C-alpha atoms as a PDB file:
ATOM      1  CA  UNK A   1     -66.128  14.720   8.774  1.00  0.00           C
ATOM      2  CA  UNK A   2     -66.606  11.181  10.514  1.00  0.00           C
ATOM      3  CA  UNK A   3     -65.613   7.745   8.982  1.00  0.00           C
ATOM      4  CA  UNK A   4     -68.000   5.203   8.542  1.00  0.00           C
ATOM      5  CA  UNK A   5     -67.135   1.748   9.107  1.00  0.00           C
ATOM      6  CA  UNK A   6     -68.194  -1.449   7.397  1.00  0.00           C
ATOM      7  CA  UNK A   7     -69.234  -2.773  10.758  1.00  0.00           C
ATOM      8  CA  UNK A   8     -72.041  -0.102  10.917  1.00  0.00           C
ATOM      9  CA  UNK A   9     -73.834  -1.982   8.201  1.00  0.00           C
ATOM     10  CA  UNK A  10     -73.097  -5.727   8.849  1.00  0.00           C
ATOM     11  CA  UNK A  11     -72.643  -7.607  12.006  1.00  0.00           C
ATOM     12  CA  UNK A  12     -69.230  -8.896  13.347  1.00  0.00           C
ATOM     13  CA  UNK A  13     -70.278 -12.401  12.678  1.00  0.00           C
ATOM     14  CA  UNK A  14     -71.022 -11.828   8.979  1.00  0.00           C
ATOM     15  CA  UNK A  15     -67.666  -9.815   8.622  1.00  0.00           C
ATOM     16  CA  UNK A  16     -65.996 -12.767  10.462  1.00  0.00           C
ATOM     17  CA  UNK A  17     -67.255 -15.303   8.069  1.00  0.00           C
ATOM     18  CA  UNK A  18     -66.109 -13.362   4.960  1.00  0.00           C
ATOM     19  CA  UNK A  19     -62.602 -12.859   6.448  1.00  0.00           C
ATOM     20  CA  UNK A  20     -62.334 -16.490   7.636  1.00  0.00           C
ATOM     21  CA  UNK A  21     -63.210 -17.771   4.075  1.00  0.00           C
ATOM     22  CA  UNK A  22     -60.856 -15.364   2.281  1.00  0.00           C
ATOM     23  CA  UNK A  23     -57.783 -15.840   4.660  1.00  0.00           C
ATOM     24  CA  UNK A  24     -58.299 -19.517   4.819  1.00  0.00           C
ATOM     25  CA  UNK A  25     -58.169 -19.789   0.972  1.00  0.00           C
ATOM     26  CA  UNK A  26     -54.884 -17.904   1.255  1.00  0.00           C
ATOM     27  CA  UNK A  27     -53.571 -20.107   4.076  1.00  0.00           C
ATOM     28  CA  UNK A  28     -54.540 -23.298   2.088  1.00  0.00           C
ATOM     29  CA  UNK A  29     -52.985 -22.131  -1.071  1.00  0.00           C
ATOM     30  CA  UNK A  30     -49.682 -21.153   0.522  1.00  0.00           C
ATOM     31  CA  UNK A  31     -47.257 -24.285   0.196  1.00  0.00           C
ATOM     32  CA  UNK A  32     -44.856 -25.306   3.192  1.00  0.00           C
ATOM     33  CA  UNK A  33     -41.891 -24.325   1.082  1.00  0.00           C
ATOM     34  CA  UNK A  34     -42.874 -20.748   0.930  1.00  0.00           C
ATOM     35  CA  UNK A  35     -42.567 -20.348   4.667  1.00  0.00           C
ATOM     36  CA  UNK A  36     -38.886 -21.819   4.554  1.00  0.00           C
ATOM     37  CA  UNK A  37     -38.092 -19.642   1.941  1.00  0.00           C
ATOM     38  CA  UNK A  38     -39.403 -16.575   3.824  1.00  0.00           C
ATOM     39  CA  UNK A  39     -37.500 -17.751   7.021  1.00  0.00           C
ATOM     40  CA  UNK A  40     -34.367 -18.881   5.679  1.00  0.00           C
ATOM     41  CA  UNK A  41     -34.036 -15.690   3.473  1.00  0.00           C
ATOM     42  CA  UNK A  42     -35.248 -15.384  -0.130  1.00  0.00           C
ATOM     43  CA  UNK A  43     -31.734 -14.748  -1.593  1.00  0.00           C
ATOM     44  CA  UNK A  44     -30.669 -18.375  -0.653  1.00  0.00           C
ATOM     45  CA  UNK A  45     -33.615 -19.660  -3.266  1.00  0.00           C
ATOM     46  CA  UNK A  46     -33.175 -17.722  -6.460  1.00  0.00           C
ATOM     47  CA  UNK A  47     -36.136 -18.085  -8.638  1.00  0.00           C
ATOM     48  CA  UNK A  48     -38.370 -19.129  -5.965  1.00  0.00           C
ATOM     49  CA  UNK A  49     -40.886 -16.550  -5.070  1.00  0.00           C
ATOM     50  CA  UNK A  50     -43.557 -17.181  -2.183  1.00  0.00           C
ATOM     51  CA  UNK A  51     -46.199 -15.517  -3.903  1.00  0.00           C
ATOM     52  CA  UNK A  52     -49.134 -17.075  -1.813  1.00  0.00           C
ATOM     53  CA  UNK A  53     -47.283 -16.199   1.366  1.00  0.00           C
ATOM     54  CA  UNK A  54     -46.763 -12.590   0.084  1.00  0.00           C
ATOM     55  CA  UNK A  55     -50.314 -12.440  -0.537  1.00  0.00           C
ATOM     56  CA  UNK A  56     -51.204 -13.518   2.927  1.00  0.00           C
ATOM     57  CA  UNK A  57     -48.563 -10.998   4.568  1.00  0.00           C
ATOM     58  CA  UNK A  58     -50.064  -8.163   2.425  1.00  0.00           C
ATOM     59  CA  UNK A  59     -53.623  -9.020   3.514  1.00  0.00           C
ATOM     60  CA  UNK A  60     -52.641  -9.060   7.031  1.00  0.00           C
ATOM     61  CA  UNK A  61     -51.203  -5.539   6.636  1.00  0.00           C
ATOM     62  CA  UNK A  62     -54.181  -4.303   4.804  1.00  0.00           C
ATOM     63  CA  UNK A  63     -56.675  -5.592   7.616  1.00  0.00           C
ATOM     64  CA  UNK A  64     -54.450  -4.148  10.385  1.00  0.00           C
ATOM     65  CA  UNK A  65     -54.240  -0.702   8.509  1.00  0.00           C
ATOM     66  CA  UNK A  66     -58.179  -0.735   7.799  1.00  0.00           C
ATOM     67  CA  UNK A  67     -58.720  -1.266  11.578  1.00  0.00           C
ATOM     68  CA  UNK A  68     -56.439   1.448  12.853  1.00  0.00           C
ATOM     69  CA  UNK A  69     -57.568   3.882  10.248  1.00  0.00           C
ATOM     70  CA  UNK A  70     -61.512   3.286  10.899  1.00  0.00           C
ATOM     71  CA  UNK A  71     -60.432   3.798  14.804  1.00  0.00           C
ATOM     72  CA  UNK A  72     -58.487   7.017  14.138  1.00  0.00           C
ATOM     73  CA  UNK A  73     -60.742   8.437  11.752  1.00  0.00           C
ATOM     74  CA  UNK A  74     -63.565   8.554  14.181  1.00  0.00           C
ATOM     75  CA  UNK A  75     -63.992  12.237  15.614  1.00  0.00           C
ATOM     76  CA  UNK A  76     -66.172  11.539  18.602  1.00  0.00           C
ATOM     77  CA  UNK A  77     -64.856   9.256  21.471  1.00  0.00           C
ATOM     78  CA  UNK A  78     -67.983   7.435  21.963  1.00  0.00           C
ATOM     79  CA  UNK A  79     -68.124   6.226  18.346  1.00  0.00           C
ATOM     80  CA  UNK A  80     -64.315   5.216  18.635  1.00  0.00           C
ATOM     81  CA  UNK A  81     -65.241   3.190  21.709  1.00  0.00           C
ATOM     82  CA  UNK A  82     -68.032   1.668  19.871  1.00  0.00           C
ATOM     83  CA  UNK A  83     -65.986   0.723  16.865  1.00  0.00           C
ATOM     84  CA  UNK A  84     -63.173  -0.745  19.228  1.00  0.00           C
ATOM     85  CA  UNK A  85     -65.827  -2.835  20.879  1.00  0.00           C
ATOM     86  CA  UNK A  86     -67.168  -4.314  17.300  1.00  0.00           C
ATOM     87  CA  UNK A  87     -63.428  -4.836  16.353  1.00  0.00           C
ATOM     88  CA  UNK A  88     -62.899  -6.687  19.548  1.00  0.00           C
ATOM     89  CA  UNK A  89     -65.991  -8.869  18.956  1.00  0.00           C
ATOM     90  CA  UNK A  90     -64.802  -9.565  15.423  1.00  0.00           C
ATOM     91  CA  UNK A  91     -61.495 -10.925  16.844  1.00  0.00           C
ATOM     92  CA  UNK A  92     -62.982 -13.081  19.444  1.00  0.00           C
ATOM     93  CA  UNK A  93     -65.132 -14.780  16.911  1.00  0.00           C
END
């Protein structure tokens, strides 16, 4: 069974706009101190939880996993190549 990507139904430009809006909101809501907590070590700041930064990191990991899974699930090399081209277009936008 071959995987079906969301990119087969919407254009890379549309998906790019959606991802940009969502990720921008996560970025804007992340306070500068959250980056410091992450870099210097959370154990140094008890009671301070970088929630928005955690969401941003988790979202990055989800998107990365989604891209890898979609590509690996394609059984035909032609479909895999086509999907990789679409993801590259998406990344370049």
